[in-house]
Protein backbone atom coordinates (compact mmCIF):
# COMPACT_ATOMS: atom_id res chain seq x y z
CA MET A 1 0.00 0.00 0.00
CA LYS A 2 1.51 3.29 -1.11
CA ILE A 3 1.17 6.32 1.16
CA THR A 4 0.25 9.55 -0.57
CA THR A 5 1.82 12.93 0.00
CA SER A 6 -1.40 14.23 1.55
CA GLU A 7 -1.41 11.33 4.03
CA TYR A 8 2.17 12.19 5.04
CA ALA A 9 1.18 15.86 5.41
CA LEU A 10 -1.74 14.93 7.66
CA PHE A 11 0.47 12.67 9.78
CA PHE A 12 3.02 15.42 10.35
CA ARG A 13 0.29 17.99 10.99
CA VAL A 14 -1.07 15.77 13.76
CA LEU A 15 2.43 15.39 15.22
CA SER A 16 3.10 19.13 15.07
CA ASN A 17 1.18 19.65 18.32
CA GLU A 18 3.52 19.28 21.30
CA SER A 19 0.94 17.56 23.52
CA ARG A 20 0.03 15.01 20.87
CA PHE A 21 3.70 14.33 20.22
CA LYS A 22 4.29 13.77 23.96
CA ILE A 23 1.33 11.38 24.11
CA LEU A 24 2.64 9.30 21.21
CA ARG A 25 6.15 9.32 22.64
CA ALA A 26 4.82 8.10 26.02
CA LEU A 27 2.72 5.37 24.39
CA PHE A 28 5.65 4.30 22.25
CA SER A 29 8.04 4.08 25.21
CA ILE A 30 5.56 2.23 27.43
CA ASN A 31 4.39 -0.05 24.59
CA GLU A 32 1.25 -1.25 26.38
CA LYS A 33 -2.26 -0.01 27.03
CA ILE A 34 -2.44 2.78 29.60
CA SER A 35 -5.15 4.85 31.32
CA VAL A 36 -5.55 8.58 30.77
CA ASN A 37 -4.24 9.47 34.23
CA LYS A 38 -1.12 7.33 33.84
CA LEU A 39 -0.63 8.67 30.34
CA ALA A 40 -0.85 12.24 31.63
CA GLU A 41 1.82 11.44 34.22
CA ALA A 42 4.09 9.66 31.74
CA GLY A 43 3.82 12.42 29.13
CA GLN A 44 3.86 15.23 31.70
CA ILE A 45 0.67 16.65 30.22
CA PRO A 46 -2.16 18.18 32.28
CA THR A 47 -5.17 15.85 32.38
CA SER A 48 -7.36 18.73 31.20
CA LYS A 49 -5.51 18.83 27.84
CA ILE A 50 -5.06 15.15 27.21
CA SER A 51 -8.62 14.09 26.32
CA ASP A 52 -8.94 16.50 23.40
CA GLN A 53 -5.55 15.49 22.07
CA LEU A 54 -6.35 11.79 22.38
CA MET A 55 -9.53 12.38 20.38
CA VAL A 56 -7.49 13.93 17.54
CA LEU A 57 -5.03 11.02 17.62
CA ARG A 58 -7.89 8.48 17.56
CA LYS A 59 -9.66 10.30 14.74
CA ASN A 60 -6.49 10.09 12.67
CA GLY A 61 -5.94 6.41 13.47
CA LEU A 62 -2.68 6.79 15.41
CA VAL A 63 -4.12 5.71 18.76
CA ASP A 64 -6.85 3.27 19.70
CA CYS A 65 -8.61 2.54 22.95
CA LYS A 66 -10.28 -0.24 24.89
CA ARG A 67 -12.76 0.15 27.72
CA GLU A 68 -12.46 -2.13 30.75
CA GLY A 69 -15.15 -1.30 33.28
CA ASN A 70 -14.98 2.42 34.05
CA ILE A 71 -11.47 2.86 32.71
CA ILE A 72 -10.50 3.55 29.12
CA TYR A 73 -7.05 2.36 28.12
CA TYR A 74 -5.17 3.86 25.18
CA PHE A 75 -2.50 2.25 23.02
CA MET A 76 -0.64 2.83 19.76
CA ASN A 77 -2.29 1.74 16.56
CA ASN A 78 0.68 -0.15 15.13
CA ASN A 79 -0.89 -0.27 11.67
CA LYS A 80 -0.52 3.51 11.31
CA VAL A 81 2.61 4.42 13.28
């Protein structure tokens, strides 16, 4: 599957936000599913900012999530990153 120039541009536009980059870096280094609170700690991002940024990352297919009870765990979408 060939990646188009516009897909590359979108990928880098998503990564251009410092908070989103920190989230991906934290998920990449941990390499397992992680809750929002733990992700905020690991990426040193205020919890108030992280939900909106995770939504952008999910919308663009870089991050996925899984709900277990009341907790939502996030992890890298290895097909995209």
